[in-house]
């Protein structure tokens, strides 16, 4: 008799636990979607004056301007692919697609990289 009495309680606990888990997951996802997502890892580049500039975990949204002199070499150490531009506002031609964790992407001889955007 005690076996039949505990079976409904066990099922009820599982249902309650499942419902609570689903509710927590929904809240966690809703809470995280409002936060600014970042590209985990560094974007590092070298200017024509051999100055090394590194930005750790930049936002995945928007256009990111580089130093005024631009970048001669870029290392994408993030977990998100990026596009490099020869313009300061992420427009126009002269772009290159840089997959995650790719190093030593050299700028074309005509002009340095001036901005970048993440592919997400």
N, C-alpha and C. Protein backbone atom coordinates (compact mmCIF):
# COMPACT_ATOMS: atom_id res chain seq x y z
N UNK A 1 0.80 -1.18 0.00
CA UNK A 1 0.00 0.00 0.00
C UNK A 1 0.86 1.26 0.00
N UNK A 2 2.00 1.21 0.62
CA UNK A 2 2.85 2.38 0.65
C UNK A 2 3.47 2.66 -0.73
N UNK A 3 3.60 1.63 -1.57
CA UNK A 3 4.15 1.83 -2.91
C UNK A 3 3.19 2.66 -3.75
N UNK A 4 1.91 2.39 -3.69
CA UNK A 4 0.94 3.15 -4.48
C UNK A 4 0.76 4.55 -3.94
N UNK A 5 0.98 4.74 -2.67
CA UNK A 5 0.82 6.07 -2.08
C UNK A 5 1.98 6.98 -2.48
N UNK A 6 3.20 6.45 -2.66
CA UNK A 6 4.35 7.30 -3.00
C UNK A 6 4.48 7.52 -4.50
N UNK A 7 3.91 6.66 -5.33
CA UNK A 7 4.03 6.81 -6.77
C UNK A 7 3.43 8.13 -7.25
N UNK A 8 2.21 8.53 -6.85
CA UNK A 8 1.67 9.82 -7.30
C UNK A 8 2.50 11.00 -6.79
N UNK A 9 3.05 10.91 -5.60
CA UNK A 9 3.87 11.99 -5.06
C UNK A 9 5.13 12.13 -5.89
N UNK A 10 5.75 11.00 -6.28
CA UNK A 10 6.95 11.02 -7.08
C UNK A 10 6.69 11.65 -8.45
N UNK A 11 5.60 11.29 -9.10
CA UNK A 11 5.24 11.87 -10.40
C UNK A 11 4.95 13.36 -10.26
N UNK A 12 4.30 13.74 -9.20
CA UNK A 12 3.97 15.14 -8.96
C UNK A 12 5.26 15.95 -8.77
N UNK A 13 6.21 15.40 -8.04
CA UNK A 13 7.49 16.09 -7.84
C UNK A 13 8.23 16.25 -9.16
N UNK A 14 8.20 15.20 -9.99
CA UNK A 14 8.87 15.28 -11.29
C UNK A 14 8.22 16.36 -12.16
N UNK A 15 6.88 16.39 -12.19
CA UNK A 15 6.19 17.40 -12.98
C UNK A 15 6.49 18.79 -12.46
N UNK A 16 6.48 18.95 -11.14
CA UNK A 16 6.77 20.25 -10.54
C UNK A 16 8.21 20.64 -10.83
N UNK A 17 9.12 19.69 -10.72
CA UNK A 17 10.53 19.96 -11.02
C UNK A 17 10.74 20.33 -12.48
N UNK A 18 10.06 19.62 -13.37
CA UNK A 18 10.17 19.92 -14.80
C UNK A 18 9.61 21.31 -15.11
N UNK A 19 8.48 21.63 -14.53
CA UNK A 19 7.87 22.94 -14.74
C UNK A 19 8.77 24.05 -14.19
N UNK A 20 9.34 23.83 -13.02
CA UNK A 20 10.24 24.82 -12.43
C UNK A 20 11.49 24.98 -13.29
N UNK A 21 12.03 23.88 -13.79
CA UNK A 21 13.21 23.94 -14.66
C UNK A 21 12.92 24.69 -15.94
N UNK A 22 11.76 24.44 -16.55
CA UNK A 22 11.38 25.14 -17.77
C UNK A 22 11.20 26.63 -17.51
N UNK A 23 10.62 26.97 -16.38
CA UNK A 23 10.42 28.37 -16.03
C UNK A 23 11.77 29.07 -15.81
N UNK A 24 12.68 28.41 -15.13
CA UNK A 24 14.01 29.00 -14.90
C UNK A 24 14.77 29.17 -16.21
N UNK A 25 14.68 28.19 -17.10
CA UNK A 25 15.34 28.29 -18.39
C UNK A 25 14.78 29.47 -19.19
N UNK A 26 13.47 29.62 -19.18
CA UNK A 26 12.83 30.73 -19.89
C UNK A 26 13.29 32.06 -19.32
N UNK A 27 13.33 32.17 -18.00
CA UNK A 27 13.79 33.42 -17.37
C UNK A 27 15.25 33.70 -17.69
N UNK A 28 16.07 32.68 -17.67
CA UNK A 28 17.50 32.85 -17.97
C UNK A 28 17.70 33.33 -19.40
N UNK A 29 17.00 32.72 -20.34
CA UNK A 29 17.12 33.13 -21.73
C UNK A 29 16.60 34.54 -21.95
N UNK A 30 15.51 34.88 -21.32
CA UNK A 30 14.95 36.23 -21.46
C UNK A 30 15.89 37.25 -20.83
N UNK A 31 16.47 36.91 -19.71
CA UNK A 31 17.39 37.83 -19.05
C UNK A 31 18.65 38.04 -19.84
N UNK A 32 19.19 37.00 -20.46
CA UNK A 32 20.42 37.12 -21.22
C UNK A 32 20.21 37.85 -22.53
N UNK A 33 19.03 37.76 -23.11
CA UNK A 33 18.81 38.40 -24.40
C UNK A 33 18.86 39.91 -24.29
N UNK A 34 18.62 40.46 -23.12
CA UNK A 34 18.67 41.89 -22.94
C UNK A 34 20.08 42.40 -22.72
N UNK A 35 21.00 41.52 -22.39
CA UNK A 35 22.36 41.93 -22.15
C UNK A 35 23.09 42.10 -23.47
N UNK A 36 24.11 42.96 -23.48
CA UNK A 36 24.91 43.13 -24.68
C UNK A 36 25.79 41.93 -24.89
N UNK A 37 25.63 41.27 -26.02
CA UNK A 37 26.45 40.10 -26.31
C UNK A 37 27.83 40.56 -26.74
N UNK A 38 28.84 39.79 -26.34
CA UNK A 38 30.20 40.12 -26.72
C UNK A 38 30.84 38.96 -27.48
N UNK A 39 31.84 39.32 -28.27
CA UNK A 39 32.64 38.31 -28.96
C UNK A 39 33.71 37.87 -27.97
N UNK A 40 33.58 36.72 -27.42
CA UNK A 40 34.48 36.25 -26.36
C UNK A 40 35.89 36.08 -26.93
N UNK A 41 36.83 36.81 -26.37
CA UNK A 41 38.22 36.74 -26.80
C UNK A 41 38.70 38.08 -27.32
N UNK A 42 39.98 38.18 -27.64
CA UNK A 42 40.55 39.46 -28.07
C UNK A 42 40.58 39.65 -29.59
N UNK A 43 40.48 40.91 -29.99
CA UNK A 43 40.82 41.34 -31.34
C UNK A 43 42.10 42.15 -31.16
N UNK A 44 43.17 41.70 -31.80
CA UNK A 44 44.46 42.36 -31.64
C UNK A 44 44.97 42.77 -33.02
N UNK A 45 45.47 43.99 -33.11
CA UNK A 45 46.03 44.43 -34.38
C UNK A 45 47.27 45.29 -34.16
N UNK A 46 48.08 45.38 -35.22
CA UNK A 46 49.32 46.15 -35.19
C UNK A 46 49.19 47.30 -36.18
N UNK A 47 49.51 48.51 -35.72
CA UNK A 47 49.45 49.68 -36.58
C UNK A 47 50.72 49.77 -37.41
N UNK A 48 50.74 50.71 -38.34
CA UNK A 48 51.93 50.89 -39.19
C UNK A 48 53.14 51.33 -38.38
N UNK A 49 52.92 51.87 -37.19
CA UNK A 49 54.02 52.29 -36.31
C UNK A 49 54.40 51.17 -35.33
N UNK A 50 53.95 49.95 -35.62
CA UNK A 50 54.23 48.77 -34.79
C UNK A 50 53.65 48.86 -33.38
N UNK A 51 52.61 49.65 -33.22
CA UNK A 51 51.90 49.71 -31.94
C UNK A 51 50.88 48.57 -31.92
N UNK A 52 50.85 47.78 -30.86
CA UNK A 52 49.90 46.68 -30.73
C UNK A 52 48.70 47.16 -29.94
N UNK A 53 47.52 46.99 -30.52
CA UNK A 53 46.26 47.39 -29.89
C UNK A 53 45.42 46.14 -29.71
N UNK A 54 44.87 45.95 -28.52
CA UNK A 54 44.05 44.77 -28.26
C UNK A 54 42.76 45.18 -27.56
N UNK A 55 41.66 44.65 -28.04
CA UNK A 55 40.36 44.88 -27.43
C UNK A 55 39.82 43.52 -27.03
N UNK A 56 39.54 43.34 -25.75
CA UNK A 56 39.07 42.05 -25.26
C UNK A 56 37.55 42.00 -25.21
N UNK A 57 36.98 41.00 -25.83
CA UNK A 57 35.53 40.75 -25.86
C UNK A 57 34.71 41.97 -26.26
N UNK A 58 34.94 42.52 -27.47
CA UNK A 58 34.12 43.64 -27.92
C UNK A 58 32.69 43.21 -28.21
N UNK A 59 31.79 44.16 -28.25
CA UNK A 59 30.39 43.89 -28.54
C UNK A 59 30.25 43.30 -29.94
N UNK A 60 29.31 42.39 -30.11
CA UNK A 60 29.09 41.81 -31.43
C UNK A 60 28.27 42.74 -32.32
N UNK A 61 27.70 43.77 -31.73
CA UNK A 61 26.86 44.69 -32.49
C UNK A 61 27.67 45.90 -32.96
N UNK A 62 27.33 46.40 -34.12
CA UNK A 62 27.88 47.64 -34.61
C UNK A 62 29.22 47.54 -35.30
N UNK A 63 29.70 48.70 -35.70
CA UNK A 63 30.96 48.85 -36.39
C UNK A 63 32.00 49.32 -35.38
N UNK A 64 33.17 48.70 -35.42
CA UNK A 64 34.24 49.06 -34.49
C UNK A 64 35.36 49.74 -35.26
N UNK A 65 35.67 50.97 -34.88
CA UNK A 65 36.76 51.70 -35.53
C UNK A 65 38.09 51.30 -34.91
N UNK A 66 39.08 51.24 -35.75
CA UNK A 66 40.43 50.95 -35.28
C UNK A 66 41.16 52.27 -35.05
N UNK A 67 42.41 52.19 -34.61
CA UNK A 67 43.21 53.39 -34.39
C UNK A 67 43.22 54.22 -35.67
N UNK A 68 43.43 55.51 -35.53
CA UNK A 68 43.37 56.42 -36.68
C UNK A 68 44.30 56.00 -37.81
N UNK A 69 45.47 55.51 -37.46
CA UNK A 69 46.43 55.06 -38.48
C UNK A 69 45.99 53.76 -39.14
N UNK A 70 45.06 53.05 -38.52
CA UNK A 70 44.59 51.78 -39.07
C UNK A 70 45.47 50.62 -38.67
N UNK A 71 45.12 49.45 -39.17
CA UNK A 71 45.82 48.22 -38.80
C UNK A 71 46.50 47.62 -40.01
N UNK A 72 47.72 47.16 -39.80
CA UNK A 72 48.46 46.47 -40.86
C UNK A 72 48.28 44.96 -40.76
N UNK A 73 48.18 44.46 -39.52
CA UNK A 73 47.97 43.03 -39.28
C UNK A 73 46.90 42.87 -38.21
N UNK A 74 46.02 41.89 -38.38
CA UNK A 74 44.91 41.67 -37.45
C UNK A 74 44.88 40.21 -37.03
N UNK A 75 44.60 39.98 -35.75
CA UNK A 75 44.42 38.63 -35.21
C UNK A 75 43.02 38.57 -34.61
N UNK A 76 42.19 37.67 -35.13
CA UNK A 76 40.84 37.47 -34.59
C UNK A 76 40.91 36.32 -33.59
N UNK A 77 41.07 36.66 -32.32
CA UNK A 77 41.12 35.65 -31.27
C UNK A 77 39.77 35.41 -30.63
N UNK A 78 38.70 35.90 -31.23
CA UNK A 78 37.36 35.75 -30.68
C UNK A 78 36.73 34.44 -31.16
N UNK A 79 35.54 34.18 -30.68
CA UNK A 79 34.79 33.00 -31.09
C UNK A 79 33.79 33.31 -32.19
N UNK A 80 33.88 34.52 -32.78
CA UNK A 80 32.94 34.94 -33.82
C UNK A 80 33.71 35.44 -35.03
N UNK A 81 33.27 35.07 -36.23
CA UNK A 81 33.89 35.55 -37.46
C UNK A 81 33.70 37.06 -37.59
N UNK A 82 34.62 37.70 -38.31
CA UNK A 82 34.53 39.14 -38.48
C UNK A 82 34.85 39.54 -39.91
N UNK A 83 34.49 40.77 -40.25
CA UNK A 83 34.80 41.35 -41.55
C UNK A 83 35.61 42.60 -41.31
N UNK A 84 36.75 42.72 -42.02
CA UNK A 84 37.60 43.91 -41.92
C UNK A 84 37.29 44.82 -43.10
N UNK A 85 37.32 46.14 -42.84
CA UNK A 85 37.03 47.15 -43.86
C UNK A 85 38.18 48.13 -43.98
N UNK A 86 38.37 48.67 -45.18
CA UNK A 86 39.38 49.71 -45.38
C UNK A 86 38.78 51.10 -45.20
N UNK A 87 37.52 51.16 -44.80
CA UNK A 87 36.85 52.44 -44.51
C UNK A 87 36.59 52.52 -43.00
N UNK A 88 36.45 53.72 -42.44
CA UNK A 88 36.25 53.85 -40.99
C UNK A 88 34.83 53.54 -40.51
N UNK A 89 33.89 53.32 -41.45
CA UNK A 89 32.50 53.13 -41.05
C UNK A 89 31.89 51.80 -41.51
N UNK A 90 32.73 50.81 -41.76
CA UNK A 90 32.28 49.47 -42.15
C UNK A 90 31.39 49.49 -43.40
N UNK A 91 31.78 50.28 -44.38
CA UNK A 91 31.04 50.33 -45.64
C UNK A 91 32.01 50.16 -46.79
N UNK A 92 31.47 49.96 -47.97
CA UNK A 92 32.27 49.92 -49.18
C UNK A 92 32.97 48.60 -49.42
N UNK A 93 33.73 48.61 -50.49
CA UNK A 93 34.49 47.41 -50.88
C UNK A 93 35.79 47.32 -50.11
N UNK A 94 36.66 46.50 -50.60
CA UNK A 94 37.95 46.32 -49.94
C UNK A 94 37.83 45.64 -48.60
N UNK A 95 36.99 44.61 -48.53
CA UNK A 95 36.76 43.90 -47.27
C UNK A 95 37.44 42.53 -47.31
N UNK A 96 37.57 41.94 -46.15
CA UNK A 96 38.04 40.57 -46.05
C UNK A 96 37.30 39.90 -44.90
N UNK A 97 36.92 38.64 -45.12
CA UNK A 97 36.24 37.83 -44.12
C UNK A 97 37.29 37.11 -43.30
N UNK A 98 37.23 37.25 -41.97
CA UNK A 98 38.23 36.64 -41.09
C UNK A 98 37.52 35.66 -40.14
N UNK A 99 37.70 34.36 -40.35
CA UNK A 99 37.10 33.38 -39.45
C UNK A 99 37.69 33.47 -38.04
N UNK A 100 37.05 32.80 -37.12
CA UNK A 100 37.52 32.80 -35.73
C UNK A 100 38.92 32.24 -35.62
N UNK A 101 39.63 32.75 -34.67
CA UNK A 101 41.00 32.35 -34.31
C UNK A 101 41.96 32.30 -35.50
N UNK A 102 41.79 33.22 -36.45
CA UNK A 102 42.72 33.34 -37.56
C UNK A 102 43.73 34.43 -37.23
N UNK A 103 44.99 34.19 -37.52
CA UNK A 103 46.03 35.15 -37.18
C UNK A 103 46.71 35.69 -38.43
N UNK A 104 47.33 36.82 -38.25
CA UNK A 104 48.20 37.42 -39.26
C UNK A 104 47.48 37.73 -40.57
N UNK A 105 46.36 38.42 -40.50
CA UNK A 105 45.67 38.87 -41.70
C UNK A 105 46.25 40.22 -42.06
N UNK A 106 47.00 40.29 -43.14
CA UNK A 106 47.68 41.51 -43.54
C UNK A 106 46.77 42.40 -44.39
N UNK A 107 46.91 43.70 -44.18
CA UNK A 107 46.14 44.67 -44.95
C UNK A 107 46.67 44.73 -46.38
N UNK A 108 45.81 45.14 -47.32
CA UNK A 108 46.30 45.29 -48.69
C UNK A 108 47.34 46.41 -48.74
N UNK A 109 48.26 46.37 -49.70
CA UNK A 109 49.31 47.38 -49.77
C UNK A 109 48.77 48.80 -49.95
N UNK A 110 47.58 48.93 -50.53
CA UNK A 110 47.04 50.26 -50.82
C UNK A 110 46.52 51.01 -49.59
N UNK A 111 45.96 50.30 -48.61
CA UNK A 111 45.42 50.99 -47.44
C UNK A 111 45.28 50.03 -46.26
N UNK A 112 45.33 50.57 -45.04
CA UNK A 112 45.20 49.72 -43.86
C UNK A 112 43.73 49.41 -43.56
N UNK A 113 43.52 48.47 -42.64
CA UNK A 113 42.17 48.19 -42.16
C UNK A 113 41.80 49.31 -41.19
N UNK A 114 40.61 49.87 -41.34
CA UNK A 114 40.18 50.98 -40.50
C UNK A 114 39.01 50.64 -39.58
N UNK A 115 38.28 49.55 -39.87
CA UNK A 115 37.14 49.18 -39.02
C UNK A 115 36.84 47.70 -39.20
N UNK A 116 36.01 47.19 -38.30
CA UNK A 116 35.58 45.79 -38.38
C UNK A 116 34.19 45.63 -37.80
N UNK A 117 33.55 44.55 -38.22
CA UNK A 117 32.21 44.19 -37.78
C UNK A 117 32.18 42.68 -37.61
N UNK A 118 31.38 42.22 -36.66
CA UNK A 118 31.25 40.78 -36.43
C UNK A 118 30.09 40.21 -37.24
N UNK A 119 30.23 38.97 -37.66
CA UNK A 119 29.19 38.25 -38.39
C UNK A 119 28.42 37.44 -37.36
N UNK A 120 27.17 37.79 -37.13
CA UNK A 120 26.36 37.08 -36.13
C UNK A 120 24.95 36.92 -36.57
